[in-house]
Amino acid sequence: MHSNSIIAYKDIMETIPPSRQQVMRVIRKRKKITRQDIAEALGWQINSVTGRVTELLNLGLIYESGTKTVNKRPRALLSIAQNIA
């Protein structure tokens, strides 16, 4: 990770609520991850994850980076936005 990206990531993390920070950390650690996998990693209900993901998407901090098929259903993969990754 480039040093400017590390600084940007830390600056952003200081400005967002703790629940969003937790979601961001999981996405950063796993690189590409589904909402369902985030819920499992955090021990949260999917509705809580979906709400935080929507907020982060709207802020432009994460993006949908592809899909993964699970039980014949496509699931969006989430990644940290490239300008802060």
C-alpha atoms as a PDB file:
ATOM      1  CA  MET A   1       0.000   0.000   0.000  1.00  0.00           C
ATOM      2  CA  HIS A   2       1.348   3.420  -0.955  1.00  0.00           C
ATOM      3  CA  SER A   3       2.104   5.768   1.960  1.00  0.00           C
ATOM      4  CA  ASN A   4      -0.401   8.355   0.660  1.00  0.00           C
ATOM      5  CA  SER A   5      -3.084   5.663   0.621  1.00  0.00           C
ATOM      6  CA  ILE A   6      -2.286   4.712   4.206  1.00  0.00           C
ATOM      7  CA  ILE A   7      -2.605   8.330   5.305  1.00  0.00           C
ATOM      8  CA  ALA A   8      -5.891   8.751   3.409  1.00  0.00           C
ATOM      9  CA  TYR A   9      -7.275   5.529   4.919  1.00  0.00           C
ATOM     10  CA  LYS A  10      -6.346   6.600   8.466  1.00  0.00           C
ATOM     11  CA  ASP A  11      -7.812  10.066   7.954  1.00  0.00           C
ATOM     12  CA  ILE A  12     -11.093   8.620   6.703  1.00  0.00           C
ATOM     13  CA  MET A  13     -11.286   6.081   9.510  1.00  0.00           C
ATOM     14  CA  GLU A  14     -11.084   8.902  12.062  1.00  0.00           C
ATOM     15  CA  THR A  15     -14.133  10.627  10.575  1.00  0.00           C
ATOM     16  CA  ILE A  16     -16.629   7.766  10.260  1.00  0.00           C
ATOM     17  CA  PRO A  17     -18.698   6.097  12.996  1.00  0.00           C
ATOM     18  CA  PRO A  18     -17.373   2.902  14.657  1.00  0.00           C
ATOM     19  CA  SER A  19     -19.822   0.557  12.896  1.00  0.00           C
ATOM     20  CA  ARG A  20     -18.679   1.792   9.491  1.00  0.00           C
ATOM     21  CA  GLN A  21     -15.056   1.487  10.631  1.00  0.00           C
ATOM     22  CA  GLN A  22     -15.612  -2.175  11.467  1.00  0.00           C
ATOM     23  CA  VAL A  23     -17.055  -2.867   8.020  1.00  0.00           C
ATOM     24  CA  MET A  24     -14.185  -0.991   6.345  1.00  0.00           C
ATOM     25  CA  ARG A  25     -11.597  -3.012   8.297  1.00  0.00           C
ATOM     26  CA  VAL A  26     -13.140  -6.315   7.216  1.00  0.00           C
ATOM     27  CA  ILE A  27     -13.285  -5.228   3.568  1.00  0.00           C
ATOM     28  CA  ARG A  28      -9.691  -3.955   3.687  1.00  0.00           C
ATOM     29  CA  LYS A  29      -8.460  -7.189   5.237  1.00  0.00           C
ATOM     30  CA  ARG A  30     -10.288  -9.484   2.799  1.00  0.00           C
ATOM     31  CA  LYS A  31      -9.828  -7.297  -0.352  1.00  0.00           C
ATOM     32  CA  LYS A  32     -13.033  -8.564  -2.022  1.00  0.00           C
ATOM     33  CA  ILE A  33     -15.892  -9.748   0.152  1.00  0.00           C
ATOM     34  CA  THR A  34     -19.674 -10.164   0.034  1.00  0.00           C
ATOM     35  CA  ARG A  35     -22.136  -8.565   2.422  1.00  0.00           C
ATOM     36  CA  GLN A  36     -22.960 -12.035   3.740  1.00  0.00           C
ATOM     37  CA  ASP A  37     -19.287 -12.722   4.480  1.00  0.00           C
ATOM     38  CA  ILE A  38     -18.967  -9.371   6.276  1.00  0.00           C
ATOM     39  CA  ALA A  39     -21.994 -10.262   8.421  1.00  0.00           C
ATOM     40  CA  GLU A  40     -20.425 -13.599   9.282  1.00  0.00           C
ATOM     41  CA  ALA A  41     -17.028 -12.050  10.059  1.00  0.00           C
ATOM     42  CA  LEU A  42     -18.566  -9.449  12.378  1.00  0.00           C
ATOM     43  CA  GLY A  43     -21.297 -11.645  13.856  1.00  0.00           C
ATOM     44  CA  TRP A  44     -23.924  -9.147  12.687  1.00  0.00           C
ATOM     45  CA  GLN A  45     -27.322  -9.538  11.081  1.00  0.00           C
ATOM     46  CA  ILE A  46     -27.263  -8.995   7.308  1.00  0.00           C
ATOM     47  CA  ASN A  47     -29.591  -5.961   7.660  1.00  0.00           C
ATOM     48  CA  SER A  48     -27.016  -4.157   9.797  1.00  0.00           C
ATOM     49  CA  VAL A  49     -24.271  -4.877   7.304  1.00  0.00           C
ATOM     50  CA  THR A  50     -26.397  -3.812   4.342  1.00  0.00           C
ATOM     51  CA  GLY A  51     -27.128  -0.469   5.988  1.00  0.00           C
ATOM     52  CA  ARG A  52     -23.467   0.264   6.702  1.00  0.00           C
ATOM     53  CA  VAL A  53     -22.429  -0.902   3.224  1.00  0.00           C
ATOM     54  CA  THR A  54     -25.010   1.394   1.610  1.00  0.00           C
ATOM     55  CA  GLU A  55     -23.661   4.335   3.617  1.00  0.00           C
ATOM     56  CA  LEU A  56     -20.064   3.546   2.625  1.00  0.00           C
ATOM     57  CA  LEU A  57     -21.055   3.112  -1.036  1.00  0.00           C
ATOM     58  CA  ASN A  58     -22.832   6.482  -0.984  1.00  0.00           C
ATOM     59  CA  LEU A  59     -19.723   8.114   0.501  1.00  0.00           C
ATOM     60  CA  GLY A  60     -17.575   6.575  -2.243  1.00  0.00           C
ATOM     61  CA  LEU A  61     -15.362   4.763   0.275  1.00  0.00           C
ATOM     62  CA  ILE A  62     -16.107   1.306  -1.122  1.00  0.00           C
ATOM     63  CA  TYR A  63     -17.364  -0.026  -4.459  1.00  0.00           C
ATOM     64  CA  GLU A  64     -18.798  -3.183  -5.968  1.00  0.00           C
ATOM     65  CA  SER A  65     -15.777  -4.832  -7.566  1.00  0.00           C
ATOM     66  CA  GLY A  66     -17.405  -7.880  -9.135  1.00  0.00           C
ATOM     67  CA  THR A  67     -19.673 -10.777  -8.319  1.00  0.00           C
ATOM     68  CA  LYS A  68     -19.388 -14.185  -6.722  1.00  0.00           C
ATOM     69  CA  THR A  69     -21.949 -16.929  -7.302  1.00  0.00           C
ATOM     70  CA  VAL A  70     -23.161 -18.621  -4.125  1.00  0.00           C
ATOM     71  CA  ASN A  71     -25.856 -21.303  -4.384  1.00  0.00           C
ATOM     72  CA  LYS A  72     -26.536 -20.218  -7.977  1.00  0.00           C
ATOM     73  CA  ARG A  73     -27.127 -16.617  -6.859  1.00  0.00           C
ATOM     74  CA  PRO A  74     -24.808 -13.749  -7.777  1.00  0.00           C
ATOM     75  CA  ARG A  75     -23.500 -11.777  -4.814  1.00  0.00           C
ATOM     76  CA  ALA A  76     -21.730  -8.435  -5.150  1.00  0.00           C
ATOM     77  CA  LEU A  77     -18.109  -8.327  -4.046  1.00  0.00           C
ATOM     78  CA  LEU A  78     -17.096  -5.193  -2.164  1.00  0.00           C
ATOM     79  CA  SER A  79     -13.676  -3.539  -2.138  1.00  0.00           C
ATOM     80  CA  ILE A  80     -12.123  -0.383  -0.683  1.00  0.00           C
ATOM     81  CA  ALA A  81     -12.186   2.507  -3.167  1.00  0.00           C
ATOM     82  CA  GLN A  82      -8.938   2.649  -5.098  1.00  0.00           C
ATOM     83  CA  ASN A  83      -8.164   6.228  -4.115  1.00  0.00           C
ATOM     84  CA  ILE A  84      -7.834   5.084  -0.487  1.00  0.00           C
ATOM     85  CA  ALA A  85      -6.845   1.432  -0.883  1.00  0.00           C
END
